[in-house]
């Protein structure tokens, strides 16, 4: 009987280790929501929920692109600089209209994505090195374009993107939700999604199987940069100003955290889109909870660090079994 009990306990422990990377983020998010309902004043008030949704939107959008890159066993450290670049381009071309300005901001993201993807796919640089170079260069270009100055935005039709709502839900939240659905569909239901996962799982085997590995890598980095540029546009429309020195600063760390906590392994081969969104909400709500309960932001950062370590360790345990 003792032997069977130990064996049963072992199986239970193994099941927990197997399920933690996949479902842990949802359990943690649910527990945090329940805690806030019980202990945080006005947590369920629509104004508070609206603020949380709006604040997490840029991280969700950037994290969606980051999840695709990590799915190929890569990393993109330049996404914050791409946000700044998009923000810097908006006031330069807003005089020609909202749509041209947004198109050019997104085009700036395409250029950065092509450079990142080219350096990784054709030059053979490690993703962390290639995108680190663009992290520095991209923000430098953004500062040059903006003359290093803070620029106010007064175009009402552009500002409406960040301030108006549909059915009571801000446009920016709708945009993030649509993008999450699209990315999820691409990963799960398209040939490109299957190729992306194949490249992340085993690049050499994918190459031998006829997968256009270089094209997939370039496309993934372009998508990540475009999503970052979109997040930059949204951020500018929300705050009503373009500050290339601050917009997108360190958002790459928030995006990577959301992806890892959401269950996407850093070794590639898997992309968990819903988990990534949940991871972004978990990190946002954790910070908001700490602040609402009079704890320092530094405390929230330390808790986030512990969560990241647990998520990475759980993923590592799963791979080694």
C-alpha atoms as a PDB file:
ATOM      1  CA  UNK A   1       0.000   0.000   0.000  1.00  0.00           C
ATOM      2  CA  UNK A   2       2.834   2.362   0.858  1.00  0.00           C
ATOM      3  CA  UNK A   3       4.509   1.737  -2.498  1.00  0.00           C
ATOM      4  CA  UNK A   4       1.274   2.460  -4.362  1.00  0.00           C
ATOM      5  CA  UNK A   5       0.759   5.644  -2.363  1.00  0.00           C
ATOM      6  CA  UNK A   6       4.240   6.906  -3.157  1.00  0.00           C
ATOM      7  CA  UNK A   7       3.760   6.033  -6.807  1.00  0.00           C
ATOM      8  CA  UNK A   8       0.446   7.838  -6.864  1.00  0.00           C
ATOM      9  CA  UNK A   9       1.994  10.904  -5.244  1.00  0.00           C
ATOM     10  CA  UNK A  10       4.772  10.790  -7.811  1.00  0.00           C
ATOM     11  CA  UNK A  11       2.267  10.683 -10.642  1.00  0.00           C
ATOM     12  CA  UNK A  12       0.406  13.608  -9.130  1.00  0.00           C
ATOM     13  CA  UNK A  13       3.619  15.623  -8.852  1.00  0.00           C
ATOM     14  CA  UNK A  14       4.522  14.790 -12.427  1.00  0.00           C
ATOM     15  CA  UNK A  15       1.080  15.887 -13.585  1.00  0.00           C
ATOM     16  CA  UNK A  16       1.474  19.189 -11.781  1.00  0.00           C
ATOM     17  CA  UNK A  17       4.857  19.784 -13.419  1.00  0.00           C
ATOM     18  CA  UNK A  18       3.380  18.946 -16.794  1.00  0.00           C
ATOM     19  CA  UNK A  19       0.319  21.178 -16.446  1.00  0.00           C
ATOM     20  CA  UNK A  20       1.940  24.157 -14.688  1.00  0.00           C
ATOM     21  CA  UNK A  21       3.554  25.719 -17.795  1.00  0.00           C
ATOM     22  CA  UNK A  22       0.266  25.481 -19.702  1.00  0.00           C
ATOM     23  CA  UNK A  23      -2.374  26.365 -17.132  1.00  0.00           C
ATOM     24  CA  UNK A  24      -0.410  28.028 -14.342  1.00  0.00           C
ATOM     25  CA  UNK A  25      -0.932  31.529 -15.728  1.00  0.00           C
ATOM     26  CA  UNK A  26      -4.728  31.114 -15.755  1.00  0.00           C
ATOM     27  CA  UNK A  27      -4.775  29.832 -12.191  1.00  0.00           C
ATOM     28  CA  UNK A  28      -2.554  32.680 -11.005  1.00  0.00           C
ATOM     29  CA  UNK A  29      -4.674  35.250 -12.854  1.00  0.00           C
ATOM     30  CA  UNK A  30      -7.904  33.832 -11.415  1.00  0.00           C
ATOM     31  CA  UNK A  31      -6.494  33.875  -7.871  1.00  0.00           C
ATOM     32  CA  UNK A  32      -5.293  37.453  -8.300  1.00  0.00           C
ATOM     33  CA  UNK A  33      -8.706  38.544  -9.581  1.00  0.00           C
ATOM     34  CA  UNK A  34     -10.419  36.870  -6.618  1.00  0.00           C
ATOM     35  CA  UNK A  35      -7.991  38.566  -4.230  1.00  0.00           C
ATOM     36  CA  UNK A  36      -8.773  41.965  -5.746  1.00  0.00           C
ATOM     37  CA  UNK A  37     -12.500  41.370  -5.629  1.00  0.00           C
ATOM     38  CA  UNK A  38     -12.195  40.623  -1.922  1.00  0.00           C
ATOM     39  CA  UNK A  39      -9.609  43.198  -0.855  1.00  0.00           C
ATOM     40  CA  UNK A  40      -9.293  46.014  -3.401  1.00  0.00           C
ATOM     41  CA  UNK A  41     -11.882  48.790  -3.232  1.00  0.00           C
ATOM     42  CA  UNK A  42     -13.844  49.414  -6.445  1.00  0.00           C
ATOM     43  CA  UNK A  43     -11.937  46.727  -8.314  1.00  0.00           C
ATOM     44  CA  UNK A  44     -15.006  45.718 -10.338  1.00  0.00           C
ATOM     45  CA  UNK A  45     -15.943  49.321 -11.118  1.00  0.00           C
ATOM     46  CA  UNK A  46     -15.971  49.760 -14.888  1.00  0.00           C
ATOM     47  CA  UNK A  47     -13.698  52.813 -14.683  1.00  0.00           C
ATOM     48  CA  UNK A  48     -11.001  50.757 -12.955  1.00  0.00           C
ATOM     49  CA  UNK A  49     -11.374  47.816 -15.341  1.00  0.00           C
ATOM     50  CA  UNK A  50     -11.225  50.202 -18.283  1.00  0.00           C
ATOM     51  CA  UNK A  51      -7.970  51.679 -17.010  1.00  0.00           C
ATOM     52  CA  UNK A  52      -6.419  48.234 -16.615  1.00  0.00           C
ATOM     53  CA  UNK A  53      -7.478  47.211 -20.120  1.00  0.00           C
ATOM     54  CA  UNK A  54      -6.150  50.386 -21.715  1.00  0.00           C
ATOM     55  CA  UNK A  55      -2.834  50.223 -19.883  1.00  0.00           C
ATOM     56  CA  UNK A  56      -2.154  46.595 -20.803  1.00  0.00           C
ATOM     57  CA  UNK A  57      -3.059  47.005 -24.498  1.00  0.00           C
ATOM     58  CA  UNK A  58       0.410  48.027 -25.804  1.00  0.00           C
ATOM     59  CA  UNK A  59       2.058  45.171 -23.917  1.00  0.00           C
ATOM     60  CA  UNK A  60      -0.446  42.664 -25.315  1.00  0.00           C
ATOM     61  CA  UNK A  61       0.136  43.833 -28.893  1.00  0.00           C
ATOM     62  CA  UNK A  62       3.921  43.786 -28.594  1.00  0.00           C
ATOM     63  CA  UNK A  63       3.839  40.439 -26.765  1.00  0.00           C
ATOM     64  CA  UNK A  64       1.874  38.846 -29.625  1.00  0.00           C
ATOM     65  CA  UNK A  65       4.742  39.600 -31.988  1.00  0.00           C
ATOM     66  CA  UNK A  66       7.286  38.557 -29.390  1.00  0.00           C
ATOM     67  CA  UNK A  67       5.524  35.200 -28.985  1.00  0.00           C
ATOM     68  CA  UNK A  68       5.947  34.507 -32.701  1.00  0.00           C
ATOM     69  CA  UNK A  69       9.638  35.384 -32.574  1.00  0.00           C
ATOM     70  CA  UNK A  70      10.221  33.247 -29.489  1.00  0.00           C
ATOM     71  CA  UNK A  71       8.306  30.471 -31.233  1.00  0.00           C
ATOM     72  CA  UNK A  72      11.153  30.355 -33.775  1.00  0.00           C
ATOM     73  CA  UNK A  73      13.674  30.160 -30.900  1.00  0.00           C
ATOM     74  CA  UNK A  74      14.508  33.822 -31.337  1.00  0.00           C
ATOM     75  CA  UNK A  75      14.142  37.050 -29.388  1.00  0.00           C
ATOM     76  CA  UNK A  76      13.450  40.648 -30.382  1.00  0.00           C
ATOM     77  CA  UNK A  77      14.885  43.327 -28.127  1.00  0.00           C
ATOM     78  CA  UNK A  78      14.158  46.145 -30.581  1.00  0.00           C
ATOM     79  CA  UNK A  79      10.369  46.319 -30.165  1.00  0.00           C
ATOM     80  CA  UNK A  80      10.501  49.245 -27.736  1.00  0.00           C
ATOM     81  CA  UNK A  81      12.643  51.230 -30.157  1.00  0.00           C
ATOM     82  CA  UNK A  82      10.232  50.397 -32.980  1.00  0.00           C
ATOM     83  CA  UNK A  83       7.432  51.850 -30.852  1.00  0.00           C
ATOM     84  CA  UNK A  84       9.513  55.003 -30.398  1.00  0.00           C
ATOM     85  CA  UNK A  85      10.235  55.144 -34.140  1.00  0.00           C
ATOM     86  CA  UNK A  86       6.546  54.853 -34.981  1.00  0.00           C
ATOM     87  CA  UNK A  87       5.772  57.538 -32.414  1.00  0.00           C
ATOM     88  CA  UNK A  88       8.383  59.853 -33.919  1.00  0.00           C
ATOM     89  CA  UNK A  89       7.005  59.411 -37.454  1.00  0.00           C
ATOM     90  CA  UNK A  90       3.404  60.247 -36.519  1.00  0.00           C
ATOM     91  CA  UNK A  91       3.809  64.016 -35.921  1.00  0.00           C
ATOM     92  CA  UNK A  92       6.048  64.365 -38.986  1.00  0.00           C
ATOM     93  CA  UNK A  93       3.351  63.162 -41.379  1.00  0.00           C
ATOM     94  CA  UNK A  94       0.111  63.847 -39.504  1.00  0.00           C
ATOM     95  CA  UNK A  95      -0.317  66.984 -41.606  1.00  0.00           C
ATOM     96  CA  UNK A  96      -1.030  64.730 -44.596  1.00  0.00           C
ATOM     97  CA  UNK A  97      -3.809  62.965 -42.721  1.00  0.00           C
ATOM     98  CA  UNK A  98      -4.252  60.305 -40.064  1.00  0.00           C
ATOM     99  CA  UNK A  99      -4.159  57.326 -42.417  1.00  0.00           C
ATOM    100  CA  UNK A 100      -0.916  58.319 -44.239  1.00  0.00           C
ATOM    101  CA  UNK A 101       0.762  59.017 -40.903  1.00  0.00           C
ATOM    102  CA  UNK A 102      -0.217  55.612 -39.521  1.00  0.00           C
ATOM    103  CA  UNK A 103       0.817  53.846 -42.736  1.00  0.00           C
ATOM    104  CA  UNK A 104       4.254  55.491 -42.641  1.00  0.00           C
ATOM    105  CA  UNK A 105       4.682  54.648 -38.948  1.00  0.00           C
ATOM    106  CA  UNK A 106       3.896  51.007 -39.696  1.00  0.00           C
ATOM    107  CA  UNK A 107       6.209  51.147 -42.730  1.00  0.00           C
ATOM    108  CA  UNK A 108       8.994  52.179 -40.372  1.00  0.00           C
ATOM    109  CA  UNK A 109       8.306  48.985 -38.441  1.00  0.00           C
ATOM    110  CA  UNK A 110       8.484  46.957 -41.652  1.00  0.00           C
ATOM    111  CA  UNK A 111      11.929  48.362 -42.403  1.00  0.00           C
ATOM    112  CA  UNK A 112      13.237  47.481 -38.938  1.00  0.00           C
ATOM    113  CA  UNK A 113      11.707  44.015 -39.192  1.00  0.00           C
ATOM    114  CA  UNK A 114      13.374  43.421 -42.547  1.00  0.00           C
ATOM    115  CA  UNK A 115      16.732  44.446 -41.107  1.00  0.00           C
ATOM    116  CA  UNK A 116      16.294  42.223 -38.044  1.00  0.00           C
ATOM    117  CA  UNK A 117      15.104  39.280 -40.107  1.00  0.00           C
ATOM    118  CA  UNK A 118      17.856  39.738 -42.671  1.00  0.00           C
ATOM    119  CA  UNK A 119      20.559  39.831 -40.024  1.00  0.00           C
ATOM    120  CA  UNK A 120      19.206  36.648 -38.436  1.00  0.00           C
ATOM    121  CA  UNK A 121      18.277  34.698 -41.573  1.00  0.00           C
ATOM    122  CA  UNK A 122      21.000  35.677 -44.043  1.00  0.00           C
ATOM    123  CA  UNK A 123      23.918  37.064 -42.034  1.00  0.00           C
ATOM    124  CA  UNK A 124      23.504  34.398 -39.364  1.00  0.00           C
ATOM    125  CA  UNK A 125      23.677  36.689 -36.345  1.00  0.00           C
ATOM    126  CA  UNK A 126      22.162  35.496 -33.106  1.00  0.00           C
ATOM    127  CA  UNK A 127      18.742  37.141 -32.659  1.00  0.00           C
ATOM    128  CA  UNK A 128      19.756  38.740 -29.370  1.00  0.00           C
ATOM    129  CA  UNK A 129      22.750  40.417 -31.047  1.00  0.00           C
ATOM    130  CA  UNK A 130      20.898  41.545 -34.170  1.00  0.00           C
ATOM    131  CA  UNK A 131      17.943  42.999 -32.303  1.00  0.00           C
ATOM    132  CA  UNK A 132      20.136  44.550 -29.617  1.00  0.00           C
ATOM    133  CA  UNK A 133      21.841  46.545 -32.363  1.00  0.00           C
ATOM    134  CA  UNK A 134      18.458  47.705 -33.636  1.00  0.00           C
ATOM    135  CA  UNK A 135      17.346  48.518 -30.086  1.00  0.00           C
ATOM    136  CA  UNK A 136      20.077  51.147 -29.968  1.00  0.00           C
ATOM    137  CA  UNK A 137      19.875  52.257 -33.603  1.00  0.00           C
ATOM    138  CA  UNK A 138      16.080  52.410 -33.741  1.00  0.00           C
ATOM    139  CA  UNK A 139      15.703  54.704 -30.760  1.00  0.00           C
ATOM    140  CA  UNK A 140      18.596  56.794 -32.018  1.00  0.00           C
ATOM    141  CA  UNK A 141      16.809  57.315 -35.342  1.00  0.00           C
ATOM    142  CA  UNK A 142      13.584  58.118 -33.487  1.00  0.00           C
ATOM    143  CA  UNK A 143      15.354  60.781 -31.430  1.00  0.00           C
ATOM    144  CA  UNK A 144      16.896  62.283 -34.572  1.00  0.00           C
ATOM    145  CA  UNK A 145      13.508  62.412 -36.328  1.00  0.00           C
ATOM    146  CA  UNK A 146      11.911  64.125 -33.334  1.00  0.00           C
ATOM    147  CA  UNK A 147      14.920  66.382 -32.633  1.00  0.00           C
ATOM    148  CA  UNK A 148      14.902  64.836 -29.187  1.00  0.00           C
ATOM    149  CA  UNK A 149      11.817  66.860 -28.310  1.00  0.00           C
ATOM    150  CA  UNK A 150       8.415  66.071 -26.849  1.00  0.00           C
ATOM    151  CA  UNK A 151       5.719  66.779 -29.443  1.00  0.00           C
ATOM    152  CA  UNK A 152       2.052  67.347 -28.702  1.00  0.00           C
ATOM    153  CA  UNK A 153      -0.573  65.836 -30.986  1.00  0.00           C
ATOM    154  CA  UNK A 154      -3.718  67.880 -31.654  1.00  0.00           C
ATOM    155  CA  UNK A 155      -5.402  66.050 -34.546  1.00  0.00           C
ATOM    156  CA  UNK A 156      -8.781  65.015 -33.158  1.00  0.00           C
ATOM    157  CA  UNK A 157      -9.373  62.157 -35.587  1.00  0.00           C
ATOM    158  CA  UNK A 158      -6.031  60.617 -34.662  1.00  0.00           C
ATOM    159  CA  UNK A 159      -6.539  61.117 -30.923  1.00  0.00           C
ATOM    160  CA  UNK A 160      -9.937  59.432 -31.211  1.00  0.00           C
ATOM    161  CA  UNK A 161      -8.135  56.107 -31.706  1.00  0.00           C
ATOM    162  CA  UNK A 162      -6.849  56.256 -28.148  1.00  0.00           C
ATOM    163  CA  UNK A 163      -9.747  58.013 -26.444  1.00  0.00           C
ATOM    164  CA  UNK A 164     -13.009  56.899 -28.063  1.00  0.00           C
ATOM    165  CA  UNK A 165     -14.905  53.652 -27.526  1.00  0.00           C
ATOM    166  CA  UNK A 166     -17.288  51.243 -29.230  1.00  0.00           C
ATOM    167  CA  UNK A 167     -20.019  49.659 -27.084  1.00  0.00           C
ATOM    168  CA  UNK A 168     -18.269  51.199 -24.085  1.00  0.00           C
ATOM    169  CA  UNK A 169     -14.985  49.424 -24.805  1.00  0.00           C
ATOM    170  CA  UNK A 170     -12.039  51.571 -25.959  1.00  0.00           C
ATOM    171  CA  UNK A 171     -10.991  51.226 -29.586  1.00  0.00           C
ATOM    172  CA  UNK A 172      -7.495  50.272 -28.479  1.00  0.00           C
ATOM    173  CA  UNK A 173      -8.830  47.244 -26.606  1.00  0.00           C
ATOM    174  CA  UNK A 174     -10.816  46.152 -29.668  1.00  0.00           C
ATOM    175  CA  UNK A 175      -7.679  46.486 -31.790  1.00  0.00           C
ATOM    176  CA  UNK A 176      -5.672  44.328 -29.376  1.00  0.00           C
ATOM    177  CA  UNK A 177      -8.453  41.720 -29.233  1.00  0.00           C
ATOM    178  CA  UNK A 178      -8.703  41.488 -33.025  1.00  0.00           C
ATOM    179  CA  UNK A 179      -4.928  41.188 -33.363  1.00  0.00           C
ATOM    180  CA  UNK A 180      -4.863  38.411 -30.750  1.00  0.00           C
ATOM    181  CA  UNK A 181      -7.534  36.476 -32.666  1.00  0.00           C
ATOM    182  CA  UNK A 182      -5.684  36.953 -35.952  1.00  0.00           C
ATOM    183  CA  UNK A 183      -2.336  35.843 -34.514  1.00  0.00           C
ATOM    184  CA  UNK A 184      -3.981  32.850 -32.861  1.00  0.00           C
ATOM    185  CA  UNK A 185      -5.596  31.871 -36.154  1.00  0.00           C
ATOM    186  CA  UNK A 186      -2.306  32.240 -38.026  1.00  0.00           C
ATOM    187  CA  UNK A 187      -0.443  30.031 -35.549  1.00  0.00           C
ATOM    188  CA  UNK A 188      -3.053  27.286 -35.316  1.00  0.00           C
ATOM    189  CA  UNK A 189      -4.757  27.236 -38.713  1.00  0.00           C
ATOM    190  CA  UNK A 190      -2.322  28.304 -41.432  1.00  0.00           C
ATOM    191  CA  UNK A 191       0.617  26.780 -43.277  1.00  0.00           C
ATOM    192  CA  UNK A 192       2.777  29.679 -42.156  1.00  0.00           C
ATOM    193  CA  UNK A 193       1.950  28.912 -38.527  1.00  0.00           C
ATOM    194  CA  UNK A 194       2.956  25.287 -38.931  1.00  0.00           C
ATOM    195  CA  UNK A 195       6.165  26.316 -40.642  1.00  0.00           C
ATOM    196  CA  UNK A 196       6.936  28.787 -37.861  1.00  0.00           C
ATOM    197  CA  UNK A 197       6.603  26.085 -35.225  1.00  0.00           C
ATOM    198  CA  UNK A 198       8.680  23.673 -37.306  1.00  0.00           C
ATOM    199  CA  UNK A 199      11.496  26.216 -37.566  1.00  0.00           C
ATOM    200  CA  UNK A 200      11.434  26.751 -33.800  1.00  0.00           C
ATOM    201  CA  UNK A 201      11.301  23.046 -33.031  1.00  0.00           C
ATOM    202  CA  UNK A 202      14.216  22.016 -35.270  1.00  0.00           C
ATOM    203  CA  UNK A 203      15.541  24.456 -37.848  1.00  0.00           C
ATOM    204  CA  UNK A 204      17.795  21.937 -39.608  1.00  0.00           C
ATOM    205  CA  UNK A 205      15.019  19.370 -39.921  1.00  0.00           C
ATOM    206  CA  UNK A 206      12.623  22.049 -41.189  1.00  0.00           C
ATOM    207  CA  UNK A 207      15.155  23.043 -43.839  1.00  0.00           C
ATOM    208  CA  UNK A 208      15.506  19.432 -44.974  1.00  0.00           C
ATOM    209  CA  UNK A 209      11.717  19.090 -45.090  1.00  0.00           C
ATOM    210  CA  UNK A 210      11.511  21.937 -47.586  1.00  0.00           C
ATOM    211  CA  UNK A 211      10.363  24.683 -45.216  1.00  0.00           C
ATOM    212  CA  UNK A 212      11.566  28.110 -46.458  1.00  0.00           C
ATOM    213  CA  UNK A 213      13.298  28.843 -43.169  1.00  0.00           C
ATOM    214  CA  UNK A 214      14.805  32.203 -44.130  1.00  0.00           C
ATOM    215  CA  UNK A 215      11.520  33.509 -45.473  1.00  0.00           C
ATOM    216  CA  UNK A 216       9.709  32.388 -42.330  1.00  0.00           C
ATOM    217  CA  UNK A 217      12.267  34.108 -40.085  1.00  0.00           C
ATOM    218  CA  UNK A 218      12.117  37.372 -42.006  1.00  0.00           C
ATOM    219  CA  UNK A 219       8.316  37.323 -41.975  1.00  0.00           C
ATOM    220  CA  UNK A 220       8.206  36.700 -38.240  1.00  0.00           C
ATOM    221  CA  UNK A 221      10.519  39.612 -37.445  1.00  0.00           C
ATOM    222  CA  UNK A 222       8.555  41.886 -39.771  1.00  0.00           C
ATOM    223  CA  UNK A 223       5.291  40.931 -38.046  1.00  0.00           C
ATOM    224  CA  UNK A 224       6.823  41.588 -34.627  1.00  0.00           C
ATOM    225  CA  UNK A 225       8.071  45.011 -35.734  1.00  0.00           C
ATOM    226  CA  UNK A 226       4.746  45.924 -37.357  1.00  0.00           C
ATOM    227  CA  UNK A 227       2.866  45.031 -34.177  1.00  0.00           C
ATOM    228  CA  UNK A 228       5.334  47.121 -32.168  1.00  0.00           C
ATOM    229  CA  UNK A 229       4.778  50.067 -34.518  1.00  0.00           C
ATOM    230  CA  UNK A 230       1.012  49.661 -34.095  1.00  0.00           C
ATOM    231  CA  UNK A 231       1.501  49.706 -30.321  1.00  0.00           C
ATOM    232  CA  UNK A 232       3.511  52.910 -30.713  1.00  0.00           C
ATOM    233  CA  UNK A 233       0.716  54.519 -32.719  1.00  0.00           C
ATOM    234  CA  UNK A 234      -1.823  53.500 -30.085  1.00  0.00           C
ATOM    235  CA  UNK A 235       0.332  54.836 -27.281  1.00  0.00           C
ATOM    236  CA  UNK A 236       0.701  58.213 -28.983  1.00  0.00           C
ATOM    237  CA  UNK A 237      -3.032  58.438 -29.651  1.00  0.00           C
ATOM    238  CA  UNK A 238      -3.771  57.591 -26.022  1.00  0.00           C
ATOM    239  CA  UNK A 239      -1.440  60.055 -24.313  1.00  0.00           C
ATOM    240  CA  UNK A 240      -1.717  62.766 -26.976  1.00  0.00           C
ATOM    241  CA  UNK A 241       1.996  63.265 -27.428  1.00  0.00           C
ATOM    242  CA  UNK A 242       5.068  61.716 -29.024  1.00  0.00           C
ATOM    243  CA  UNK A 243       8.122  61.368 -26.807  1.00  0.00           C
ATOM    244  CA  UNK A 244      10.718  59.202 -28.549  1.00  0.00           C
ATOM    245  CA  UNK A 245      12.896  59.081 -25.451  1.00  0.00           C
ATOM    246  CA  UNK A 246      10.233  57.404 -23.316  1.00  0.00           C
ATOM    247  CA  UNK A 247       7.645  55.617 -25.446  1.00  0.00           C
ATOM    248  CA  UNK A 248       8.278  51.879 -25.505  1.00  0.00           C
ATOM    249  CA  UNK A 249      11.075  52.082 -22.960  1.00  0.00           C
ATOM    250  CA  UNK A 250      11.701  48.575 -21.540  1.00  0.00           C
ATOM    251  CA  UNK A 251       8.479  47.222 -23.040  1.00  0.00           C
ATOM    252  CA  UNK A 252      10.528  44.398 -24.553  1.00  0.00           C
ATOM    253  CA  UNK A 253      11.026  43.045 -21.032  1.00  0.00           C
ATOM    254  CA  UNK A 254       7.302  43.219 -20.286  1.00  0.00           C
ATOM    255  CA  UNK A 255       6.540  41.450 -23.563  1.00  0.00           C
ATOM    256  CA  UNK A 256       9.068  38.674 -22.967  1.00  0.00           C
ATOM    257  CA  UNK A 257       7.691  38.237 -19.450  1.00  0.00           C
ATOM    258  CA  UNK A 258       4.130  37.910 -20.756  1.00  0.00           C
ATOM    259  CA  UNK A 259       5.200  35.332 -23.336  1.00  0.00           C
ATOM    260  CA  UNK A 260       7.254  33.211 -20.922  1.00  0.00           C
ATOM    261  CA  UNK A 261       4.715  33.350 -18.098  1.00  0.00           C
ATOM    262  CA  UNK A 262       2.032  32.493 -20.656  1.00  0.00           C
ATOM    263  CA  UNK A 263       3.686  29.143 -21.347  1.00  0.00           C
ATOM    264  CA  UNK A 264       5.626  29.706 -24.570  1.00  0.00           C
ATOM    265  CA  UNK A 265       9.055  28.070 -24.090  1.00  0.00           C
ATOM    266  CA  UNK A 266      12.163  30.097 -24.898  1.00  0.00           C
ATOM    267  CA  UNK A 267      13.457  27.069 -26.819  1.00  0.00           C
ATOM    268  CA  UNK A 268      10.823  27.585 -29.520  1.00  0.00           C
ATOM    269  CA  UNK A 269       8.519  25.137 -31.251  1.00  0.00           C
ATOM    270  CA  UNK A 270       5.374  26.304 -29.427  1.00  0.00           C
ATOM    271  CA  UNK A 271       3.380  29.528 -29.320  1.00  0.00           C
ATOM    272  CA  UNK A 272       0.638  30.016 -26.753  1.00  0.00           C
ATOM    273  CA  UNK A 273      -1.284  33.098 -27.863  1.00  0.00           C
ATOM    274  CA  UNK A 274      -4.025  33.000 -25.231  1.00  0.00           C
ATOM    275  CA  UNK A 275      -1.424  32.296 -22.566  1.00  0.00           C
ATOM    276  CA  UNK A 276       0.568  35.311 -23.745  1.00  0.00           C
ATOM    277  CA  UNK A 277      -2.477  37.578 -23.401  1.00  0.00           C
ATOM    278  CA  UNK A 278      -3.181  36.123 -19.961  1.00  0.00           C
ATOM    279  CA  UNK A 279       0.471  36.637 -19.001  1.00  0.00           C
ATOM    280  CA  UNK A 280       0.281  40.305 -19.962  1.00  0.00           C
ATOM    281  CA  UNK A 281      -2.890  40.742 -17.899  1.00  0.00           C
ATOM    282  CA  UNK A 282      -1.327  38.918 -14.957  1.00  0.00           C
ATOM    283  CA  UNK A 283       1.705  41.205 -14.889  1.00  0.00           C
ATOM    284  CA  UNK A 284      -0.421  44.342 -15.305  1.00  0.00           C
ATOM    285  CA  UNK A 285      -2.873  43.318 -12.616  1.00  0.00           C
ATOM    286  CA  UNK A 286      -0.076  42.317 -10.261  1.00  0.00           C
ATOM    287  CA  UNK A 287       1.482  45.780 -10.494  1.00  0.00           C
ATOM    288  CA  UNK A 288      -1.905  47.474 -10.099  1.00  0.00           C
ATOM    289  CA  UNK A 289      -2.705  45.290  -7.080  1.00  0.00           C
ATOM    290  CA  UNK A 290       0.556  46.191  -5.362  1.00  0.00           C
ATOM    291  CA  UNK A 291      -0.035  49.905  -5.928  1.00  0.00           C
ATOM    292  CA  UNK A 292      -3.683  49.719  -4.814  1.00  0.00           C
ATOM    293  CA  UNK A 293      -2.591  48.058  -1.572  1.00  0.00           C
ATOM    294  CA  UNK A 294       0.123  50.657  -0.865  1.00  0.00           C
ATOM    295  CA  UNK A 295       3.095  48.488  -1.781  1.00  0.00           C
ATOM    296  CA  UNK A 296       6.076  49.908  -3.622  1.00  0.00           C
ATOM    297  CA  UNK A 297       6.501  49.340  -7.350  1.00  0.00           C
ATOM    298  CA  UNK A 298       9.875  47.766  -6.578  1.00  0.00           C
ATOM    299  CA  UNK A 299       8.041  45.062  -4.617  1.00  0.00           C
ATOM    300  CA  UNK A 300       5.909  44.296  -7.668  1.00  0.00           C
ATOM    301  CA  UNK A 301       9.039  44.010  -9.772  1.00  0.00           C
ATOM    302  CA  UNK A 302      10.573  41.511  -7.358  1.00  0.00           C
ATOM    303  CA  UNK A 303       7.391  39.436  -7.354  1.00  0.00           C
ATOM    304  CA  UNK A 304       7.373  39.513 -11.158  1.00  0.00           C
ATOM    305  CA  UNK A 305      10.963  38.283 -11.162  1.00  0.00           C
ATOM    306  CA  UNK A 306       9.996  35.330  -8.969  1.00  0.00           C
ATOM    307  CA  UNK A 307       7.075  34.512 -11.272  1.00  0.00           C
ATOM    308  CA  UNK A 308       9.380  34.563 -14.310  1.00  0.00           C
ATOM    309  CA  UNK A 309      11.856  32.226 -12.598  1.00  0.00           C
ATOM    310  CA  UNK A 310       9.072  29.821 -11.669  1.00  0.00           C
ATOM    311  CA  UNK A 311       7.695  29.883 -15.226  1.00  0.00           C
ATOM    312  CA  UNK A 312      11.097  29.257 -16.807  1.00  0.00           C
ATOM    313  CA  UNK A 313      11.914  26.502 -14.313  1.00  0.00           C
ATOM    314  CA  UNK A 314       8.562  24.818 -14.899  1.00  0.00           C
ATOM    315  CA  UNK A 315       9.151  24.896 -18.657  1.00  0.00           C
ATOM    316  CA  UNK A 316      12.641  23.493 -18.156  1.00  0.00           C
ATOM    317  CA  UNK A 317      11.306  20.667 -15.996  1.00  0.00           C
ATOM    318  CA  UNK A 318       8.773  19.813 -18.656  1.00  0.00           C
ATOM    319  CA  UNK A 319      11.440  19.645 -21.397  1.00  0.00           C
ATOM    320  CA  UNK A 320      13.729  17.377 -19.381  1.00  0.00           C
ATOM    321  CA  UNK A 321      11.005  14.795 -18.710  1.00  0.00           C
END
